[in-house]
Structure formats: structure tokens, C-alpha cells
C-alpha atoms as a PDB file:
ATOM      1  CA  MET A   1      52.416 190.217 335.604  1.00  0.00           C
ATOM      2  CA  ALA A   2      55.681 188.423 334.893  1.00  0.00           C
ATOM      3  CA  GLY A   3      57.034 191.619 333.366  1.00  0.00           C
ATOM      4  CA  ALA A   4      56.265 193.587 336.518  1.00  0.00           C
ATOM      5  CA  ALA A   5      57.777 190.912 338.750  1.00  0.00           C
ATOM      6  CA  ALA A   6      60.907 190.806 336.600  1.00  0.00           C
ATOM      7  CA  ALA A   7      61.240 194.591 336.787  1.00  0.00           C
ATOM      8  CA  LEU A   8      61.159 194.439 340.572  1.00  0.00           C
ATOM      9  CA  ASP A   9      64.234 192.220 340.498  1.00  0.00           C
ATOM     10  CA  TRP A  10      66.434 194.947 339.014  1.00  0.00           C
ATOM     11  CA  LEU A  11      64.799 198.165 340.264  1.00  0.00           C
ATOM     12  CA  THR A  12      65.987 199.666 343.513  1.00  0.00           C
ATOM     13  CA  LEU A  13      63.402 200.982 345.953  1.00  0.00           C
ATOM     14  CA  ALA A  14      64.276 204.568 344.987  1.00  0.00           C
ATOM     15  CA  GLU A  15      63.838 203.759 341.287  1.00  0.00           C
ATOM     16  CA  LEU A  16      60.512 202.051 341.959  1.00  0.00           C
ATOM     17  CA  CYS A  17      59.339 205.113 343.909  1.00  0.00           C
ATOM     18  CA  ASP A  18      60.355 207.291 340.942  1.00  0.00           C
ATOM     19  CA  VAL A  19      58.295 205.111 338.589  1.00  0.00           C
ATOM     20  CA  VAL A  20      55.259 205.298 340.870  1.00  0.00           C
ATOM     21  CA  TYR A  21      55.661 209.087 341.169  1.00  0.00           C
ATOM     22  CA  VAL A  22      55.714 209.476 337.382  1.00  0.00           C
ATOM     23  CA  LEU A  23      52.639 207.257 337.074  1.00  0.00           C
ATOM     24  CA  LEU A  24      50.808 209.350 339.674  1.00  0.00           C
ATOM     25  CA  ARG A  25      51.695 212.588 337.878  1.00  0.00           C
ATOM     26  CA  ASP A  26      50.557 211.081 334.569  1.00  0.00           C
ATOM     27  CA  ARG A  27      47.241 210.009 336.111  1.00  0.00           C
ATOM     28  CA  ILE A  28      46.711 213.489 337.548  1.00  0.00           C
ATOM     29  CA  GLU A  29      47.526 215.043 334.176  1.00  0.00           C
ATOM     30  CA  ARG A  30      44.964 212.875 332.363  1.00  0.00           C
ATOM     31  CA  HIS A  31      42.342 213.672 334.980  1.00  0.00           C
ATOM     32  CA  VAL A  32      42.968 217.426 334.857  1.00  0.00           C
ATOM     33  CA  LEU A  33      42.956 217.466 331.051  1.00  0.00           C
ATOM     34  CA  ALA A  34      39.594 215.676 331.039  1.00  0.00           C
ATOM     35  CA  GLU A  35      38.254 218.182 333.579  1.00  0.00           C
ATOM     36  CA  ARG A  36      39.574 221.079 331.476  1.00  0.00           C
ATOM     37  CA  GLN A  37      37.863 219.702 328.391  1.00  0.00           C
ATOM     38  CA  THR A  38      34.568 219.397 330.266  1.00  0.00           C
ATOM     39  CA  ALA A  39      34.940 222.922 331.641  1.00  0.00           C
ATOM     40  CA  ALA A  40      35.709 224.283 328.163  1.00  0.00           C
ATOM     41  CA  VAL A  41      32.555 222.687 326.759  1.00  0.00           C
ATOM     42  CA  LEU A  42      30.492 224.161 329.599  1.00  0.00           C
ATOM     43  CA  ILE A  43      32.022 227.598 329.020  1.00  0.00           C
ATOM     44  CA  ALA A  44      31.346 227.347 325.287  1.00  0.00           C
ATOM     45  CA  ALA A  45      27.732 226.449 326.081  1.00  0.00           C
ATOM     46  CA  GLY A  46      27.406 229.639 328.113  1.00  0.00           C
ATOM     47  CA  ALA A  47      27.859 228.369 331.663  1.00  0.00           C
ATOM     48  CA  LYS A  48      28.983 230.998 334.146  1.00  0.00           C
ATOM     49  CA  ASN A  49      31.476 230.796 337.018  1.00  0.00           C
ATOM     50  CA  ILE A  50      33.392 227.880 335.518  1.00  0.00           C
ATOM     51  CA  THR A  51      37.106 227.783 336.228  1.00  0.00           C
ATOM     52  CA  LEU A  52      39.609 225.687 334.363  1.00  0.00           C
ATOM     53  CA  PRO A  53      41.483 223.234 336.589  1.00  0.00           C
ATOM     54  CA  ASP A  54      45.188 224.024 336.984  1.00  0.00           C
ATOM     55  CA  LEU A  55      47.566 221.131 336.295  1.00  0.00           C
ATOM     56  CA  ALA A  56      50.511 222.725 338.088  1.00  0.00           C
ATOM     57  CA  GLU A  57      48.349 223.268 341.180  1.00  0.00           C
ATOM     58  CA  GLN A  58      47.296 219.614 341.222  1.00  0.00           C
ATOM     59  CA  TRP A  59      50.932 218.536 340.947  1.00  0.00           C
ATOM     60  CA  ARG A  60      51.731 220.838 343.901  1.00  0.00           C
ATOM     61  CA  VAL A  61      48.944 219.175 345.892  1.00  0.00           C
ATOM     62  CA  LEU A  62      50.484 215.761 345.147  1.00  0.00           C
ATOM     63  CA  ASP A  63      53.939 216.951 346.215  1.00  0.00           C
ATOM     64  CA  ASP A  64      52.545 218.523 349.390  1.00  0.00           C
ATOM     65  CA  GLU A  65      50.683 215.340 350.305  1.00  0.00           C
ATOM     66  CA  LEU A  66      53.768 213.210 349.679  1.00  0.00           C
ATOM     67  CA  ALA A  67      55.919 215.526 351.797  1.00  0.00           C
ATOM     68  CA  ALA A  68      53.431 215.723 354.678  1.00  0.00           C
ATOM     69  CA  ASP A  69      54.309 213.953 357.905  1.00  0.00           C
ATOM     70  CA  GLU A  70      50.710 212.840 358.325  1.00  0.00           C
ATOM     71  CA  PRO A  71      48.695 212.157 355.154  1.00  0.00           C
ATOM     72  CA  ALA A  72      45.347 213.869 354.758  1.00  0.00           C
ATOM     73  CA  SER A  73      42.353 211.709 355.609  1.00  0.00           C
ATOM     74  CA  ASN A  74      40.880 209.972 352.580  1.00  0.00           C
ATOM     75  CA  PRO A  75      37.928 207.599 353.175  1.00  0.00           C
ATOM     76  CA  ASP A  76      38.495 205.670 349.928  1.00  0.00           C
ATOM     77  CA  ARG A  77      42.189 205.152 350.662  1.00  0.00           C
ATOM     78  CA  ASP A  78      41.415 204.181 354.262  1.00  0.00           C
ATOM     79  CA  ALA A  79      38.869 201.577 353.114  1.00  0.00           C
ATOM     80  CA  LEU A  80      41.370 200.153 350.633  1.00  0.00           C
ATOM     81  CA  ARG A  81      44.099 199.986 353.285  1.00  0.00           C
ATOM     82  CA  ARG A  82      41.727 198.159 355.667  1.00  0.00           C
ATOM     83  CA  ALA A  83      40.691 195.763 352.867  1.00  0.00           C
ATOM     84  CA  VAL A  84      44.291 194.688 352.277  1.00  0.00           C
ATOM     85  CA  GLY A  85      45.081 194.437 355.982  1.00  0.00           C
ATOM     86  CA  LEU A  86      47.107 197.627 356.406  1.00  0.00           C
ATOM     87  CA  SER A  87      46.725 200.082 359.251  1.00  0.00           C
ATOM     88  CA  VAL A  88      44.882 203.331 358.701  1.00  0.00           C
ATOM     89  CA  SER A  89      46.849 206.353 359.849  1.00  0.00           C
ATOM     90  CA  ARG A  90      45.069 209.059 361.802  1.00  0.00           C
END
């Protein structure tokens, strides 16, 4: 954790937001690639009506949610915010 704390000393808020954004996009990419692999296996096994997840679409969803004035309701996020003492937006 010392490395993270030291990084906060020289990163501006804008730079830190950029780092978090890249980490979010990377997490989404890994998730979508895993979903695509699962879908491909199901398709190869003969499953019908399977669609491959679209990475670009998921990135658009992230950008839309970040740009929204009011974030979409998310029960898991709300529970986490309450657990750490933050307000839950509605």
C-alpha cells in the first residue's frame, strides 16, 4: 500500500481519475472477453440464440454512466456506499 500512497502524493486529481478510468475499462474488457469465450463455447456446442457481447458497447455504457447527472441505481454499489458511510444517491 505504500506504493499507492506514494503515488497519490504526485498525482493530480485529474491524473488519478484517468488512472481509475483506464482500470475500469480494463476490467470491462476482461469481463467481456470472458463472456465472449463462454458464448463461443456455447455456440460451438450447438446452442441457439447466443449473441457475443460487444466490447465497444460496454465501453459506451461506462461513458454514458460516467457522464450522467444522476447515476443509475445499483443495489450492490448502494450497499457498498452505505457500508463505508457514504450517502446513496437517488
